[in-house]
PDB file of N, CA and C in Angstrom:
ATOM      1  N   MET A   1     121.347  94.499  97.843  1.00  0.00           N
ATOM      2  CA  MET A   1     120.050  93.085  97.517  1.00  0.00           C
ATOM      3  C   MET A   1     120.736  92.004  96.801  1.00  0.00           C
ATOM      4  N   ARG A   2     120.347  90.364  96.589  1.00  0.00           N
ATOM      5  CA  ARG A   2     120.605  90.267  95.506  1.00  0.00           C
ATOM      6  C   ARG A   2     118.966  90.005  94.668  1.00  0.00           C
ATOM      7  N   PHE A   3     118.959  89.518  93.314  1.00  0.00           N
ATOM      8  CA  PHE A   3     117.427  89.472  92.870  1.00  0.00           C
ATOM      9  C   PHE A   3     116.881  87.687  93.165  1.00  0.00           C
ATOM     10  N   ILE A   4     116.922  86.377  93.578  1.00  0.00           N
ATOM     11  CA  ILE A   4     117.580  85.249  93.801  1.00  0.00           C
ATOM     12  C   ILE A   4     116.736  84.815  92.322  1.00  0.00           C
ATOM     13  N   GLN A   5     115.142  85.495  92.610  1.00  0.00           N
ATOM     14  CA  GLN A   5     113.992  84.554  91.548  1.00  0.00           C
ATOM     15  C   GLN A   5     112.554  85.528  91.653  1.00  0.00           C
ATOM     16  N   ARG A   6     111.604  84.819  90.700  1.00  0.00           N
ATOM     17  CA  ARG A   6     110.252  85.324  91.485  1.00  0.00           C
ATOM     18  C   ARG A   6     109.853  84.223  90.909  1.00  0.00           C
ATOM     19  N   ILE A   7     108.367  83.935  91.894  1.00  0.00           N
ATOM     20  CA  ILE A   7     107.422  82.639  91.951  1.00  0.00           C
ATOM     21  C   ILE A   7     106.394  83.517  91.001  1.00  0.00           C
ATOM     22  N   PRO A   8     106.627  82.201  89.896  1.00  0.00           N
ATOM     23  CA  PRO A   8     104.410  82.685  89.062  1.00  0.00           C
ATOM     24  C   PRO A   8     103.494  82.473  89.507  1.00  0.00           C
ATOM     25  N   HIS A   9     102.993  83.983  89.775  1.00  0.00           N
ATOM     26  CA  HIS A   9     101.713  83.138  90.331  1.00  0.00           C
ATOM     27  C   HIS A   9     100.569  84.465  89.261  1.00  0.00           C
ATOM     28  N   GLU A  10      99.409  83.713  89.688  1.00  0.00           N
ATOM     29  CA  GLU A  10      98.108  84.738  88.422  1.00  0.00           C
ATOM     30  C   GLU A  10      97.976  86.338  89.532  1.00  0.00           C
ATOM     31  N   TYR A  11      97.394  86.510  90.569  1.00  0.00           N
ATOM     32  CA  TYR A  11      97.944  87.343  90.573  1.00  0.00           C
ATOM     33  C   TYR A  11      98.514  88.795  92.597  1.00  0.00           C
ATOM     34  N   LEU A  12      99.235  87.462  92.838  1.00  0.00           N
ATOM     35  CA  LEU A  12     100.556  88.112  92.749  1.00  0.00           C
ATOM     36  C   LEU A  12     102.212  88.262  92.573  1.00  0.00           C
ATOM     37  N   GLY A  13     102.591  89.855  93.071  1.00  0.00           N
ATOM     38  CA  GLY A  13     104.345  89.894  92.275  1.00  0.00           C
ATOM     39  C   GLY A  13     104.736  88.735  93.752  1.00  0.00           C
ATOM     40  N   ILE A  14     105.676  88.072  93.638  1.00  0.00           N
ATOM     41  CA  ILE A  14     106.016  86.784  94.547  1.00  0.00           C
ATOM     42  C   ILE A  14     107.408  86.871  94.593  1.00  0.00           C
ATOM     43  N   TYR A  15     108.695  87.819  94.704  1.00  0.00           N
ATOM     44  CA  TYR A  15     110.263  88.231  94.777  1.00  0.00           C
ATOM     45  C   TYR A  15     110.913  87.197  95.936  1.00  0.00           C
ATOM     46  N   VAL A  16     111.420  86.171  95.922  1.00  0.00           N
ATOM     47  CA  VAL A  16     113.196  85.887  96.955  1.00  0.00           C
ATOM     48  C   VAL A  16     114.008  86.961  96.015  1.00  0.00           C
ATOM     49  N   PHE A  17     115.028  87.739  97.682  1.00  0.00           N
ATOM     50  CA  PHE A  17     116.002  88.402  97.944  1.00  0.00           C
ATOM     51  C   PHE A  17     116.683  87.377  98.701  1.00  0.00           C
ATOM     52  N   TYR A  18     117.862  87.925  98.270  1.00  0.00           N
ATOM     53  CA  TYR A  18     119.380  87.217  99.889  1.00  0.00           C
ATOM     54  C   TYR A  18     120.217  88.814  99.927  1.00  0.00           C
ATOM     55  N   VAL A  19     120.623  89.063 101.268  1.00  0.00           N
ATOM     56  CA  VAL A  19     120.796  90.066 102.027  1.00  0.00           C
ATOM     57  C   VAL A  19     121.453  89.650 103.013  1.00  0.00           C
ATOM     58  N   ASN A  20     123.000  89.258 103.825  1.00  0.00           N
ATOM     59  CA  ASN A  20     122.941  89.403 104.214  1.00  0.00           C
ATOM     60  C   ASN A  20     123.275  88.587 105.025  1.00  0.00           C
ATOM     61  N   ASP A  21     123.175  87.576 104.921  1.00  0.00           N
ATOM     62  CA  ASP A  21     122.497  85.460 105.097  1.00  0.00           C
ATOM     63  C   ASP A  21     120.670  85.474 105.340  1.00  0.00           C
ATOM     64  N   LEU A  22     120.022  86.257 104.856  1.00  0.00           N
ATOM     65  CA  LEU A  22     118.955  86.384 104.950  1.00  0.00           C
ATOM     66  C   LEU A  22     118.248  86.451 103.842  1.00  0.00           C
ATOM     67  N   TYR A  23     116.938  85.571 104.178  1.00  0.00           N
ATOM     68  CA  TYR A  23     116.420  85.186 101.720  1.00  0.00           C
ATOM     69  C   TYR A  23     115.358  86.064 102.803  1.00  0.00           C
ATOM     70  N   LEU A  24     114.446  87.070 101.230  1.00  0.00           N
ATOM     71  CA  LEU A  24     113.589  88.028 101.677  1.00  0.00           C
ATOM     72  C   LEU A  24     112.835  87.350 100.478  1.00  0.00           C
ATOM     73  N   LEU A  25     111.643  87.469 100.914  1.00  0.00           N
ATOM     74  CA  LEU A  25     110.377  87.421 100.679  1.00  0.00           C
ATOM     75  C   LEU A  25     109.349  88.374 100.491  1.00  0.00           C
ATOM     76  N   LYS A  26     109.093  89.186  99.331  1.00  0.00           N
ATOM     77  CA  LYS A  26     108.253  90.094  99.284  1.00  0.00           C
ATOM     78  C   LYS A  26     107.010  89.441  98.803  1.00  0.00           C
ATOM     79  N   ILE A  27     106.514  89.738  98.974  1.00  0.00           N
ATOM     80  CA  ILE A  27     105.164  89.222  97.957  1.00  0.00           C
ATOM     81  C   ILE A  27     103.601  90.731  98.100  1.00  0.00           C
ATOM     82  N   GLN A  28     103.648  91.254  96.959  1.00  0.00           N
ATOM     83  CA  GLN A  28     102.589  92.171  96.156  1.00  0.00           C
ATOM     84  C   GLN A  28     101.849  91.558  95.951  1.00  0.00           C
ATOM     85  N   LEU A  29     100.726  93.391  95.846  1.00  0.00           N
ATOM     86  CA  LEU A  29      99.145  92.561  95.552  1.00  0.00           C
ATOM     87  C   LEU A  29      99.307  94.587  95.225  1.00  0.00           C
ATOM     88  N   GLY A  30      99.437  95.012  94.123  1.00  0.00           N
ATOM     89  CA  GLY A  30      98.499  96.559  93.960  1.00  0.00           C
ATOM     90  C   GLY A  30      99.677  96.685  94.672  1.00  0.00           C
ATOM     91  N   PRO A  31      99.072  98.140  95.577  1.00  0.00           N
ATOM     92  CA  PRO A  31      99.926  99.874  96.336  1.00  0.00           C
ATOM     93  C   PRO A  31     100.211  98.916  98.048  1.00  0.00           C
ATOM     94  N   PHE A  32     100.166  97.530  97.975  1.00  0.00           N
ATOM     95  CA  PHE A  32     100.229  96.981  98.876  1.00  0.00           C
ATOM     96  C   PHE A  32     101.717  95.898  98.723  1.00  0.00           C
ATOM     97  N   GLU A  33     102.921  95.365 100.202  1.00  0.00           N
ATOM     98  CA  GLU A  33     103.362  94.611 100.048  1.00  0.00           C
ATOM     99  C   GLU A  33     103.680  93.936 101.264  1.00  0.00           C
ATOM    100  N   GLN A  34     103.977  92.498 101.339  1.00  0.00           N
ATOM    101  CA  GLN A  34     104.583  92.048 102.367  1.00  0.00           C
ATOM    102  C   GLN A  34     106.107  91.717 102.589  1.00  0.00           C
ATOM    103  N   ILE A  35     106.893  91.335 103.637  1.00  0.00           N
ATOM    104  CA  ILE A  35     108.226  91.387 103.282  1.00  0.00           C
ATOM    105  C   ILE A  35     107.909  90.365 104.619  1.00  0.00           C
ATOM    106  N   LEU A  36     108.602  88.690 103.878  1.00  0.00           N
ATOM    107  CA  LEU A  36     109.247  88.346 105.857  1.00  0.00           C
ATOM    108  C   LEU A  36     110.719  88.274 105.262  1.00  0.00           C
ATOM    109  N   LYS A  37     111.485  87.301 106.602  1.00  0.00           N
ATOM    110  CA  LYS A  37     112.955  87.462 106.374  1.00  0.00           C
ATOM    111  C   LYS A  37     113.195  85.956 106.729  1.00  0.00           C
ATOM    112  N   PHE A  38     114.059  85.186 106.832  1.00  0.00           N
ATOM    113  CA  PHE A  38     113.586  83.993 106.774  1.00  0.00           C
ATOM    114  C   PHE A  38     115.554  84.071 107.128  1.00  0.00           C
ATOM    115  N   SER A  39     116.305  83.715 108.064  1.00  0.00           N
ATOM    116  CA  SER A  39     117.365  83.289 107.869  1.00  0.00           C
ATOM    117  C   SER A  39     118.061  82.467 107.044  1.00  0.00           C
ATOM    118  N   GLY A  40     119.092  82.666 106.949  1.00  0.00           N
ATOM    119  CA  GLY A  40     119.535  81.383 105.346  1.00  0.00           C
ATOM    120  C   GLY A  40     119.808  80.521 105.882  1.00  0.00           C
ATOM    121  N   ASP A  41     120.441  79.969 107.361  1.00  0.00           N
ATOM    122  CA  ASP A  41     120.336  79.149 108.479  1.00  0.00           C
ATOM    123  C   ASP A  41     119.338  78.110 108.114  1.00  0.00           C
ATOM    124  N   ASP A  42     117.649  78.321 108.227  1.00  0.00           N
ATOM    125  CA  ASP A  42     116.264  78.135 107.989  1.00  0.00           C
ATOM    126  C   ASP A  42     116.490  77.744 106.939  1.00  0.00           C
ATOM    127  N   VAL A  43     116.868  77.626 105.636  1.00  0.00           N
ATOM    128  CA  VAL A  43     116.280  78.144 104.069  1.00  0.00           C
ATOM    129  C   VAL A  43     116.939  77.231 103.700  1.00  0.00           C
ATOM    130  N   PRO A  44     116.701  75.128 103.595  1.00  0.00           N
ATOM    131  CA  PRO A  44     117.909  74.137 102.730  1.00  0.00           C
ATOM    132  C   PRO A  44     118.112  74.882 101.277  1.00  0.00           C
ATOM    133  N   ALA A  45     116.793  75.632 100.458  1.00  0.00           N
ATOM    134  CA  ALA A  45     117.634  76.372  99.312  1.00  0.00           C
ATOM    135  C   ALA A  45     116.410  77.185  98.664  1.00  0.00           C
ATOM    136  N   PRO A  46     116.739  77.892  97.553  1.00  0.00           N
ATOM    137  CA  PRO A  46     116.191  79.588  97.458  1.00  0.00           C
ATOM    138  C   PRO A  46     114.205  78.706  96.957  1.00  0.00           C
ATOM    139  N   GLU A  47     114.810  76.854  96.226  1.00  0.00           N
ATOM    140  CA  GLU A  47     113.337  77.138  95.568  1.00  0.00           C
ATOM    141  C   GLU A  47     112.315  76.341  96.544  1.00  0.00           C
ATOM    142  N   TYR A  48     112.916  76.681  97.593  1.00  0.00           N
ATOM    143  CA  TYR A  48     111.091  75.499  98.811  1.00  0.00           C
ATOM    144  C   TYR A  48     110.778  77.249  98.906  1.00  0.00           C
ATOM    145  N   PHE A  49     110.759  78.480  98.121  1.00  0.00           N
ATOM    146  CA  PHE A  49     109.734  79.362  98.236  1.00  0.00           C
ATOM    147  C   PHE A  49     108.550  79.082  97.348  1.00  0.00           C
ATOM    148  N   GLY A  50     109.137  78.357  96.764  1.00  0.00           N
ATOM    149  CA  GLY A  50     108.035  78.624  95.293  1.00  0.00           C
ATOM    150  C   GLY A  50     106.985  76.991  96.155  1.00  0.00           C
ATOM    151  N   ARG A  51     107.011  77.037  97.054  1.00  0.00           N
ATOM    152  CA  ARG A  51     105.717  75.610  98.124  1.00  0.00           C
ATOM    153  C   ARG A  51     104.768  77.211  97.954  1.00  0.00           C
ATOM    154  N   ILE A  52     105.414  77.902  98.670  1.00  0.00           N
ATOM    155  CA  ILE A  52     103.729  78.458  99.305  1.00  0.00           C
ATOM    156  C   ILE A  52     103.716  78.429  98.218  1.00  0.00           C
ATOM    157  N   ILE A  53     103.556  78.577  98.039  1.00  0.00           N
ATOM    158  CA  ILE A  53     102.027  78.947  96.593  1.00  0.00           C
ATOM    159  C   ILE A  53     101.181  77.068  96.683  1.00  0.00           C
ATOM    160  N   GLU A  54     101.526  76.791  97.134  1.00  0.00           N
ATOM    161  CA  GLU A  54     101.021  75.049  96.862  1.00  0.00           C
ATOM    162  C   GLU A  54      99.981  75.656  97.502  1.00  0.00           C
ATOM    163  N   SER A  55     100.500  76.117  99.072  1.00  0.00           N
ATOM    164  CA  SER A  55      99.728  75.390 100.055  1.00  0.00           C
ATOM    165  C   SER A  55      98.749  76.689 100.920  1.00  0.00           C
ATOM    166  N   PRO A  56      97.537  75.864 100.866  1.00  0.00           N
ATOM    167  CA  PRO A  56      96.377  76.455 101.321  1.00  0.00           C
ATOM    168  C   PRO A  56      96.332  77.731 101.738  1.00  0.00           C
ATOM    169  N   GLU A  57      97.376  76.555 103.038  1.00  0.00           N
ATOM    170  CA  GLU A  57      96.384  77.446 105.176  1.00  0.00           C
ATOM    171  C   GLU A  57      98.084  78.967 104.429  1.00  0.00           C
ATOM    172  N   ILE A  58      98.946  78.076 103.556  1.00  0.00           N
ATOM    173  CA  ILE A  58      99.292  79.870 103.323  1.00  0.00           C
ATOM    174  C   ILE A  58      99.073  80.805 102.842  1.00  0.00           C
ATOM    175  N   MET A  59      98.742  80.376 101.486  1.00  0.00           N
ATOM    176  CA  MET A  59      97.947  81.227 100.478  1.00  0.00           C
ATOM    177  C   MET A  59      97.009  82.123 101.094  1.00  0.00           C
ATOM    178  N   LYS A  60      96.114  81.802 102.608  1.00  0.00           N
ATOM    179  CA  LYS A  60      95.058  82.488 102.669  1.00  0.00           C
ATOM    180  C   LYS A  60      95.173  83.003 103.878  1.00  0.00           C
ATOM    181  N   LYS A  61      95.919  82.361 104.425  1.00  0.00           N
ATOM    182  CA  LYS A  61      97.242  83.645 105.931  1.00  0.00           C
ATOM    183  C   LYS A  61      97.346  85.266 104.800  1.00  0.00           C
ATOM    184  N   ILE A  62      98.209  84.682 103.012  1.00  0.00           N
ATOM    185  CA  ILE A  62      98.463  85.844 102.160  1.00  0.00           C
ATOM    186  C   ILE A  62      97.953  86.889 102.151  1.00  0.00           C
ATOM    187  N   ASN A  63      96.483  86.225 101.921  1.00  0.00           N
ATOM    188  CA  ASN A  63      95.493  87.127 100.943  1.00  0.00           C
ATOM    189  C   ASN A  63      94.839  87.691 102.840  1.00  0.00           C
ATOM    190  N   ASP A  64      94.992  87.476 104.141  1.00  0.00           N
ATOM    191  CA  ASP A  64      93.991  87.602 104.474  1.00  0.00           C
ATOM    192  C   ASP A  64      95.016  89.037 105.317  1.00  0.00           C
ATOM    193  N   ASN A  65      96.330  88.829 105.634  1.00  0.00           N
ATOM    194  CA  ASN A  65      96.828  89.425 105.406  1.00  0.00           C
ATOM    195  C   ASN A  65      96.559  91.375 104.181  1.00  0.00           C
ATOM    196  N   PHE A  66      96.698  90.743 103.136  1.00  0.00           N
ATOM    197  CA  PHE A  66      96.335  91.603 102.528  1.00  0.00           C
ATOM    198  C   PHE A  66      95.755  92.016 102.647  1.00  0.00           C
ATOM    199  N   GLU A  67      94.326  91.665 103.294  1.00  0.00           N
ATOM    200  CA  GLU A  67      93.183  91.754 103.152  1.00  0.00           C
ATOM    201  C   GLU A  67      92.639  93.559 104.787  1.00  0.00           C
ATOM    202  N   GLN A  68      93.705  92.913 105.590  1.00  0.00           N
ATOM    203  CA  GLN A  68      93.542  93.268 106.475  1.00  0.00           C
ATOM    204  C   GLN A  68      94.797  94.731 106.662  1.00  0.00           C
ATOM    205  N   LEU A  69      95.968  94.899 105.681  1.00  0.00           N
ATOM    206  CA  LEU A  69      96.264  96.827 104.719  1.00  0.00           C
ATOM    207  C   LEU A  69      95.520  96.779 104.600  1.00  0.00           C
ATOM    208  N   ARG A  70      94.519  96.693 103.921  1.00  0.00           N
ATOM    209  CA  ARG A  70      93.553  97.506 102.699  1.00  0.00           C
ATOM    210  C   ARG A  70      92.870  98.358 103.673  1.00  0.00           C
ATOM    211  N   GLN A  71      92.026  97.476 104.819  1.00  0.00           N
ATOM    212  CA  GLN A  71      90.998  97.696 105.663  1.00  0.00           C
ATOM    213  C   GLN A  71      91.568  99.206 106.539  1.00  0.00           C
ATOM    214  N   THR A  72      92.787  98.651 107.300  1.00  0.00           N
ATOM    215  CA  THR A  72      93.369 100.323 107.988  1.00  0.00           C
ATOM    216  C   THR A  72      94.013 101.135 107.108  1.00  0.00           C
ATOM    217  N   GLN A  73      94.555 100.682 105.319  1.00  0.00           N
ATOM    218  CA  GLN A  73      94.272 102.455 105.366  1.00  0.00           C
ATOM    219  C   GLN A  73      93.576 102.984 104.498  1.00  0.00           C
ATOM    220  N   ILE A  74      91.876 102.344 104.832  1.00  0.00           N
ATOM    221  CA  ILE A  74      90.733 102.841 104.678  1.00  0.00           C
ATOM    222  C   ILE A  74      90.448 103.499 105.626  1.00  0.00           C
ATOM    223  N   LEU A  75      90.852 102.709 106.921  1.00  0.00           N
ATOM    224  CA  LEU A  75      90.951 103.823 108.079  1.00  0.00           C
ATOM    225  C   LEU A  75      91.370 104.609 108.460  1.00  0.00           C
ATOM    226  N   PHE A  76      92.844 104.704 108.214  1.00  0.00           N
ATOM    227  CA  PHE A  76      93.526 105.160 108.186  1.00  0.00           C
ATOM    228  C   PHE A  76      93.738 106.514 107.066  1.00  0.00           C
ATOM    229  N   LEU A  77      92.298 106.325 106.273  1.00  0.00           N
ATOM    230  CA  LEU A  77      91.860 107.477 105.067  1.00  0.00           C
ATOM    231  C   LEU A  77      90.704 107.859 105.516  1.00  0.00           C
ATOM    232  N   ASP A  78      90.275 107.163 106.761  1.00  0.00           N
ATOM    233  CA  ASP A  78      88.642 108.398 106.937  1.00  0.00           C
ATOM    234  C   ASP A  78      89.561 108.988 108.029  1.00  0.00           C
ATOM    235  N   ASN A  79      90.375 108.693 108.523  1.00  0.00           N
ATOM    236  CA  ASN A  79      90.632 110.073 110.056  1.00  0.00           C
ATOM    237  C   ASN A  79      91.289 111.183 109.312  1.00  0.00           C
ATOM    238  N   LEU A  80      92.320 110.684 107.926  1.00  0.00           N
ATOM    239  CA  LEU A  80      92.632 111.957 107.718  1.00  0.00           C
ATOM    240  C   LEU A  80      90.921 113.222 107.306  1.00  0.00           C
ATOM    241  N   VAL A  81      90.565 112.401 106.516  1.00  0.00           N
ATOM    242  CA  VAL A  81      89.305 113.253 106.215  1.00  0.00           C
ATOM    243  C   VAL A  81      88.352 113.827 107.792  1.00  0.00           C
ATOM    244  N   GLU A  82      88.255 113.518 108.099  1.00  0.00           N
ATOM    245  CA  GLU A  82      88.496 114.291 109.641  1.00  0.00           C
ATOM    246  C   GLU A  82      88.148 115.411 110.307  1.00  0.00           C
TER     247      GLU A  82
END
């Protein structure tokens, strides 16, 4: 796996990797992470990933996914205690 770039963001860790003709977009927030895989054929250049932070629609979806992960973790922990 080869590290390609870090995309600056005020509260998310956003990283791009390349492995086996796939780009991996890794997005971190605290203990949670999302990883999206893209075929090397579908991405003209890794610099295009930097555009994600320019899209309010994509950023909202990313934040919604993190909130859903948090809610799932809370539910999981609540069920462990019962």
